[in-house]
Protein backbone atom coordinates (compact mmCIF):
# COMPACT_ATOMS: atom_id res chain seq x y z
CA MET A 1 56.92 198.16 93.58
CA ASN A 2 53.34 198.65 95.07
CA THR A 3 53.54 194.52 95.54
CA VAL A 4 56.67 194.13 97.38
CA ASP A 5 56.56 194.76 101.15
CA GLU A 6 58.69 198.11 101.75
CA LYS A 7 61.26 196.13 104.17
CA GLU A 8 62.25 194.37 101.26
CA LEU A 9 63.38 197.21 99.31
CA THR A 10 65.73 198.29 102.05
CA LYS A 11 67.43 195.74 102.64
CA LYS A 12 71.28 195.56 101.64
CA ASP A 13 71.28 192.62 99.38
CA VAL A 14 68.29 194.33 97.53
CA ALA A 15 68.21 196.37 94.47
CA PHE A 16 64.66 197.68 93.13
CA LEU A 17 65.62 199.18 89.34
CA SER A 18 63.10 201.49 88.27
CA SER A 19 63.23 204.51 85.55
CA THR A 20 62.67 206.94 88.26
CA ASN A 21 66.13 205.89 90.03
CA THR A 22 69.03 208.81 89.48
CA GLN A 23 71.89 207.96 87.26
CA THR A 24 73.90 207.62 90.36
CA GLN A 25 71.69 205.33 92.00
CA LYS A 26 71.70 203.19 88.67
CA ASP A 27 75.12 203.02 88.44
CA LYS A 28 75.57 201.53 92.25
CA HIS A 29 73.08 198.94 91.50
CA ARG A 30 74.26 197.67 88.17
CA ARG A 31 78.04 197.40 90.17
CA ALA A 32 76.39 195.84 92.98
CA ILE A 33 74.92 193.19 90.73
CA LYS A 34 78.20 192.65 88.68
CA LYS A 35 80.05 192.56 92.06
CA GLY A 36 77.39 189.65 93.02
CA LYS A 37 76.37 191.93 96.21
CA VAL A 38 72.65 192.16 95.26
CA ASN A 39 70.69 188.61 95.72
CA GLN A 40 67.65 189.77 94.99
CA ILE A 41 66.40 192.55 92.21
CA TYR A 42 63.48 193.76 91.59
CA ALA A 43 62.82 195.71 88.51
CA SER A 44 60.38 197.87 85.98
CA PRO A 45 59.51 196.67 82.84
CA GLY A 46 62.35 199.16 81.19
CA GLU A 47 64.96 198.14 83.69
CA ILE A 48 64.97 194.16 83.05
CA PHE A 49 68.30 194.32 80.86
CA GLN A 50 70.94 193.94 82.80
CA ASP A 51 74.41 191.81 83.59
CA TYR A 52 73.21 188.62 85.09
CA SER A 53 75.92 186.85 85.35
CA ASP A 54 74.62 184.54 88.15
CA LEU A 55 70.71 184.87 88.15
CA LYS A 56 68.71 181.76 89.74
CA LYS A 57 65.25 182.68 89.54
CA ILE A 58 63.05 185.37 87.98
CA ILE A 59 59.51 186.23 89.29
CA PHE A 60 57.09 188.05 86.87
CA ILE A 61 54.46 189.64 88.66
CA ASP A 62 50.82 189.98 86.97
CA PRO A 63 52.21 188.66 83.67
CA HIS A 64 48.87 189.44 82.49
CA LYS A 65 49.23 192.99 82.35
CA TRP A 66 48.94 195.27 79.40
CA TYR A 67 51.76 197.54 80.11
CA TYR A 68 54.35 194.29 80.03
CA ALA A 69 53.87 194.60 75.82
CA ASN A 70 56.16 197.68 74.90
CA GLN A 71 54.67 200.14 72.74
CA GLN A 72 58.09 202.08 71.59
CA ASP A 73 60.52 201.19 69.87
CA PRO A 74 61.92 198.31 69.90
CA ARG A 75 58.68 196.51 70.70
CA TYR A 76 58.96 193.76 72.66
CA LYS A 77 56.78 191.65 75.32
CA VAL A 78 58.72 191.24 78.93
CA GLY A 79 56.89 187.88 79.07
CA ALA A 80 58.93 186.47 76.30
CA VAL A 81 62.44 188.25 77.39
CA LEU A 82 61.97 186.73 80.70
CA GLU A 83 61.54 183.61 79.16
CA GLU A 84 64.51 183.80 76.98
CA MET A 85 66.74 185.16 79.57
CA ALA A 86 65.51 181.99 82.17
CA LYS A 87 66.99 179.98 79.39
CA LEU A 88 70.05 181.80 78.77
CA TYR A 89 70.82 181.98 82.17
CA GLY A 90 69.32 178.71 83.20
CA ALA A 91 67.06 180.62 86.13
CA GLU A 92 63.68 179.48 87.27
CA LEU A 93 60.71 181.36 86.05
CA GLU A 94 57.84 182.15 88.38
CA MET A 95 54.94 184.00 87.52
CA VAL A 96 52.61 185.30 90.42
CA GLY A 97 49.56 187.13 90.37
CA ASN A 98 46.19 186.63 88.17
């Protein structure tokens, strides 16, 4: 969230998915995503697993960060998950940052 302009997060067609969202917020965002009302999604690593039927582009910010390797079960690396999602959905994967 710190790397995204706050104006972006207040747009109507943008969803920010985070573990800090309430269950009501999560449900609202998931419905909007499923109905195709959201054009841009920002997600924390724990919230990347959604029903993305019309995914076109994934932007992975700072892919080198240590916290993208989940330390809890099930263990996974966000980069590997995003690569697989890009293949499955035919989406472009862009990596931003050092």
